């Protein structure tokens, strides 16, 4: 009962910046933590940044000091400001949210379709 739609991806040169957005819509009881992941070289997606409902943030070591995550709770939107981009940042970035569909249901993870980020050297 929730859809996550990402936007803001594109192509930039090394050192450039992009801001990704993800809007959650639909019928649901509550949204908890939200975050951004990228595919990386392994089958499992790798964490880029997360933010809890209380505002606590977590960043991958590779992006600390360069990326910033924040939310606009009134708009059910999470953002990722990506600065000092490097070629290794090239990937598909996925929005993630922990969503409680109804009062009777527990939280489940939902994913967006992804947005492409390409950084040239």
C-alpha atoms as a PDB file:
ATOM      1  CA  UNK A   1       0.000   0.000   0.000  1.00  0.00           C
ATOM      2  CA  UNK A   2       3.008   2.259  -0.507  1.00  0.00           C
ATOM      3  CA  UNK A   3       4.960   3.361  -3.540  1.00  0.00           C
ATOM      4  CA  UNK A   4       8.427   4.893  -3.485  1.00  0.00           C
ATOM      5  CA  UNK A   5       9.449   7.006  -6.455  1.00  0.00           C
ATOM      6  CA  UNK A   6      13.019   8.274  -6.827  1.00  0.00           C
ATOM      7  CA  UNK A   7      14.208  11.189  -8.905  1.00  0.00           C
ATOM      8  CA  UNK A   8      17.279  13.349  -9.336  1.00  0.00           C
ATOM      9  CA  UNK A   9      19.731  10.929 -10.902  1.00  0.00           C
ATOM     10  CA  UNK A  10      21.856  11.863 -13.865  1.00  0.00           C
ATOM     11  CA  UNK A  11      25.363  12.187 -15.253  1.00  0.00           C
ATOM     12  CA  UNK A  12      27.989  14.445 -13.723  1.00  0.00           C
ATOM     13  CA  UNK A  13      31.739  14.820 -13.777  1.00  0.00           C
ATOM     14  CA  UNK A  14      34.064  14.056 -10.900  1.00  0.00           C
ATOM     15  CA  UNK A  15      33.622  16.579  -8.115  1.00  0.00           C
ATOM     16  CA  UNK A  16      30.080  17.456  -9.091  1.00  0.00           C
ATOM     17  CA  UNK A  17      26.894  17.206  -7.054  1.00  0.00           C
ATOM     18  CA  UNK A  18      23.446  15.687  -7.325  1.00  0.00           C
ATOM     19  CA  UNK A  19      20.441  15.630  -5.025  1.00  0.00           C
ATOM     20  CA  UNK A  20      18.238  12.550  -5.031  1.00  0.00           C
ATOM     21  CA  UNK A  21      14.623  12.619  -3.866  1.00  0.00           C
ATOM     22  CA  UNK A  22      12.253   9.824  -2.916  1.00  0.00           C
ATOM     23  CA  UNK A  23       8.548  10.363  -2.283  1.00  0.00           C
ATOM     24  CA  UNK A  24       6.416   7.792  -0.487  1.00  0.00           C
ATOM     25  CA  UNK A  25       2.748   7.700  -1.414  1.00  0.00           C
ATOM     26  CA  UNK A  26      -0.256   5.455  -0.877  1.00  0.00           C
ATOM     27  CA  UNK A  27      -2.203   4.223   2.121  1.00  0.00           C
ATOM     28  CA  UNK A  28      -0.192   3.178   5.164  1.00  0.00           C
ATOM     29  CA  UNK A  29      -0.251   3.488   8.918  1.00  0.00           C
ATOM     30  CA  UNK A  30       3.273   4.710   9.553  1.00  0.00           C
ATOM     31  CA  UNK A  31       6.682   5.182   7.971  1.00  0.00           C
ATOM     32  CA  UNK A  32       9.735   4.571  10.108  1.00  0.00           C
ATOM     33  CA  UNK A  33      13.320   4.742   8.953  1.00  0.00           C
ATOM     34  CA  UNK A  34      14.194   5.646   5.377  1.00  0.00           C
ATOM     35  CA  UNK A  35      17.407   5.289   3.471  1.00  0.00           C
ATOM     36  CA  UNK A  36      19.385   5.025   0.286  1.00  0.00           C
ATOM     37  CA  UNK A  37      21.171   1.963  -1.049  1.00  0.00           C
ATOM     38  CA  UNK A  38      23.155   1.186  -4.161  1.00  0.00           C
ATOM     39  CA  UNK A  39      23.832  -2.102  -5.881  1.00  0.00           C
ATOM     40  CA  UNK A  40      27.605  -2.223  -5.552  1.00  0.00           C
ATOM     41  CA  UNK A  41      29.699  -5.167  -6.775  1.00  0.00           C
ATOM     42  CA  UNK A  42      27.940  -7.828  -4.723  1.00  0.00           C
ATOM     43  CA  UNK A  43      24.505  -9.449  -5.085  1.00  0.00           C
ATOM     44  CA  UNK A  44      23.220  -7.688  -1.970  1.00  0.00           C
ATOM     45  CA  UNK A  45      22.636  -3.963  -2.122  1.00  0.00           C
ATOM     46  CA  UNK A  46      24.967  -1.850  -0.010  1.00  0.00           C
ATOM     47  CA  UNK A  47      23.894   0.804   2.430  1.00  0.00           C
ATOM     48  CA  UNK A  48      24.677   4.395   1.513  1.00  0.00           C
ATOM     49  CA  UNK A  49      22.800   6.360   4.165  1.00  0.00           C
ATOM     50  CA  UNK A  50      19.830   5.914   6.490  1.00  0.00           C
ATOM     51  CA  UNK A  51      17.835   8.145   8.779  1.00  0.00           C
ATOM     52  CA  UNK A  52      15.501   7.116  11.583  1.00  0.00           C
ATOM     53  CA  UNK A  53      12.190   8.706  12.437  1.00  0.00           C
ATOM     54  CA  UNK A  54      14.026  10.505  15.232  1.00  0.00           C
ATOM     55  CA  UNK A  55      16.631  11.937  12.882  1.00  0.00           C
ATOM     56  CA  UNK A  56      19.584   9.666  13.652  1.00  0.00           C
ATOM     57  CA  UNK A  57      21.721   9.179  10.550  1.00  0.00           C
ATOM     58  CA  UNK A  58      24.084   6.458   9.403  1.00  0.00           C
ATOM     59  CA  UNK A  59      26.517   6.703   6.490  1.00  0.00           C
ATOM     60  CA  UNK A  60      28.736   4.281   4.686  1.00  0.00           C
ATOM     61  CA  UNK A  61      32.398   5.033   5.328  1.00  0.00           C
ATOM     62  CA  UNK A  62      32.928   5.692   1.642  1.00  0.00           C
ATOM     63  CA  UNK A  63      30.471   8.618   1.609  1.00  0.00           C
ATOM     64  CA  UNK A  64      31.005  10.182   5.031  1.00  0.00           C
ATOM     65  CA  UNK A  65      31.710  13.870   4.714  1.00  0.00           C
ATOM     66  CA  UNK A  66      30.392  13.956   1.153  1.00  0.00           C
ATOM     67  CA  UNK A  67      26.733  12.862   1.332  1.00  0.00           C
ATOM     68  CA  UNK A  68      23.925  14.181   3.525  1.00  0.00           C
ATOM     69  CA  UNK A  69      20.557  12.521   4.131  1.00  0.00           C
ATOM     70  CA  UNK A  70      17.474  14.272   5.479  1.00  0.00           C
ATOM     71  CA  UNK A  71      13.695  13.984   5.401  1.00  0.00           C
ATOM     72  CA  UNK A  72      10.652  16.165   5.039  1.00  0.00           C
ATOM     73  CA  UNK A  73       8.212  14.170   7.126  1.00  0.00           C
ATOM     74  CA  UNK A  74       5.214  16.282   6.159  1.00  0.00           C
ATOM     75  CA  UNK A  75       5.827  15.330   2.527  1.00  0.00           C
ATOM     76  CA  UNK A  76       6.954  11.742   3.212  1.00  0.00           C
ATOM     77  CA  UNK A  77      10.117  12.508   1.298  1.00  0.00           C
ATOM     78  CA  UNK A  78      13.746  11.557   1.867  1.00  0.00           C
ATOM     79  CA  UNK A  79      16.651  13.328   0.173  1.00  0.00           C
ATOM     80  CA  UNK A  80      20.283  12.513  -0.467  1.00  0.00           C
ATOM     81  CA  UNK A  81      22.639  15.385  -1.231  1.00  0.00           C
ATOM     82  CA  UNK A  82      25.653  13.915  -3.003  1.00  0.00           C
ATOM     83  CA  UNK A  83      28.738  16.129  -3.118  1.00  0.00           C
ATOM     84  CA  UNK A  84      32.291  15.596  -4.351  1.00  0.00           C
ATOM     85  CA  UNK A  85      31.101  12.734  -6.508  1.00  0.00           C
ATOM     86  CA  UNK A  86      33.637  10.153  -7.629  1.00  0.00           C
ATOM     87  CA  UNK A  87      33.561   7.561 -10.431  1.00  0.00           C
ATOM     88  CA  UNK A  88      33.139   4.820  -7.824  1.00  0.00           C
ATOM     89  CA  UNK A  89      29.816   6.415  -6.887  1.00  0.00           C
ATOM     90  CA  UNK A  90      28.422   5.388 -10.267  1.00  0.00           C
ATOM     91  CA  UNK A  91      25.534   3.018  -9.648  1.00  0.00           C
ATOM     92  CA  UNK A  92      21.785   2.668  -9.437  1.00  0.00           C
ATOM     93  CA  UNK A  93      20.534   4.196  -6.201  1.00  0.00           C
ATOM     94  CA  UNK A  94      17.457   2.761  -4.495  1.00  0.00           C
ATOM     95  CA  UNK A  95      15.195   4.378  -1.958  1.00  0.00           C
ATOM     96  CA  UNK A  96      14.157   2.234   1.003  1.00  0.00           C
ATOM     97  CA  UNK A  97      11.554   2.731   3.700  1.00  0.00           C
ATOM     98  CA  UNK A  98      10.256   0.771   6.651  1.00  0.00           C
ATOM     99  CA  UNK A  99       6.478   0.944   6.390  1.00  0.00           C
ATOM    100  CA  UNK A 100       3.749  -0.247   8.727  1.00  0.00           C
ATOM    101  CA  UNK A 101       0.795  -0.855   6.390  1.00  0.00           C
ATOM    102  CA  UNK A 102      -1.893  -0.984   9.101  1.00  0.00           C
ATOM    103  CA  UNK A 103      -2.059  -0.862  12.871  1.00  0.00           C
ATOM    104  CA  UNK A 104      -2.280  -4.679  12.946  1.00  0.00           C
ATOM    105  CA  UNK A 105       0.707  -5.298  10.698  1.00  0.00           C
ATOM    106  CA  UNK A 106       4.405  -5.099  11.480  1.00  0.00           C
ATOM    107  CA  UNK A 107       6.902  -3.024   9.534  1.00  0.00           C
ATOM    108  CA  UNK A 108       7.999  -4.211   6.111  1.00  0.00           C
ATOM    109  CA  UNK A 109      10.710  -2.916   3.801  1.00  0.00           C
ATOM    110  CA  UNK A 110       9.698  -1.260   0.564  1.00  0.00           C
ATOM    111  CA  UNK A 111      11.941  -0.299  -2.332  1.00  0.00           C
ATOM    112  CA  UNK A 112      11.792   2.176  -5.143  1.00  0.00           C
ATOM    113  CA  UNK A 113      12.660   1.305  -8.712  1.00  0.00           C
ATOM    114  CA  UNK A 114      16.013   3.062  -8.592  1.00  0.00           C
ATOM    115  CA  UNK A 115      17.607   6.070 -10.213  1.00  0.00           C
ATOM    116  CA  UNK A 116      20.854   5.998 -12.190  1.00  0.00           C
ATOM    117  CA  UNK A 117      23.873   8.040 -11.136  1.00  0.00           C
ATOM    118  CA  UNK A 118      26.858   8.188 -13.480  1.00  0.00           C
ATOM    119  CA  UNK A 119      30.086   9.986 -12.595  1.00  0.00           C
ATOM    120  CA  UNK A 120      32.736  10.429 -15.259  1.00  0.00           C
ATOM    121  CA  UNK A 121      36.424  10.947 -14.595  1.00  0.00           C
END
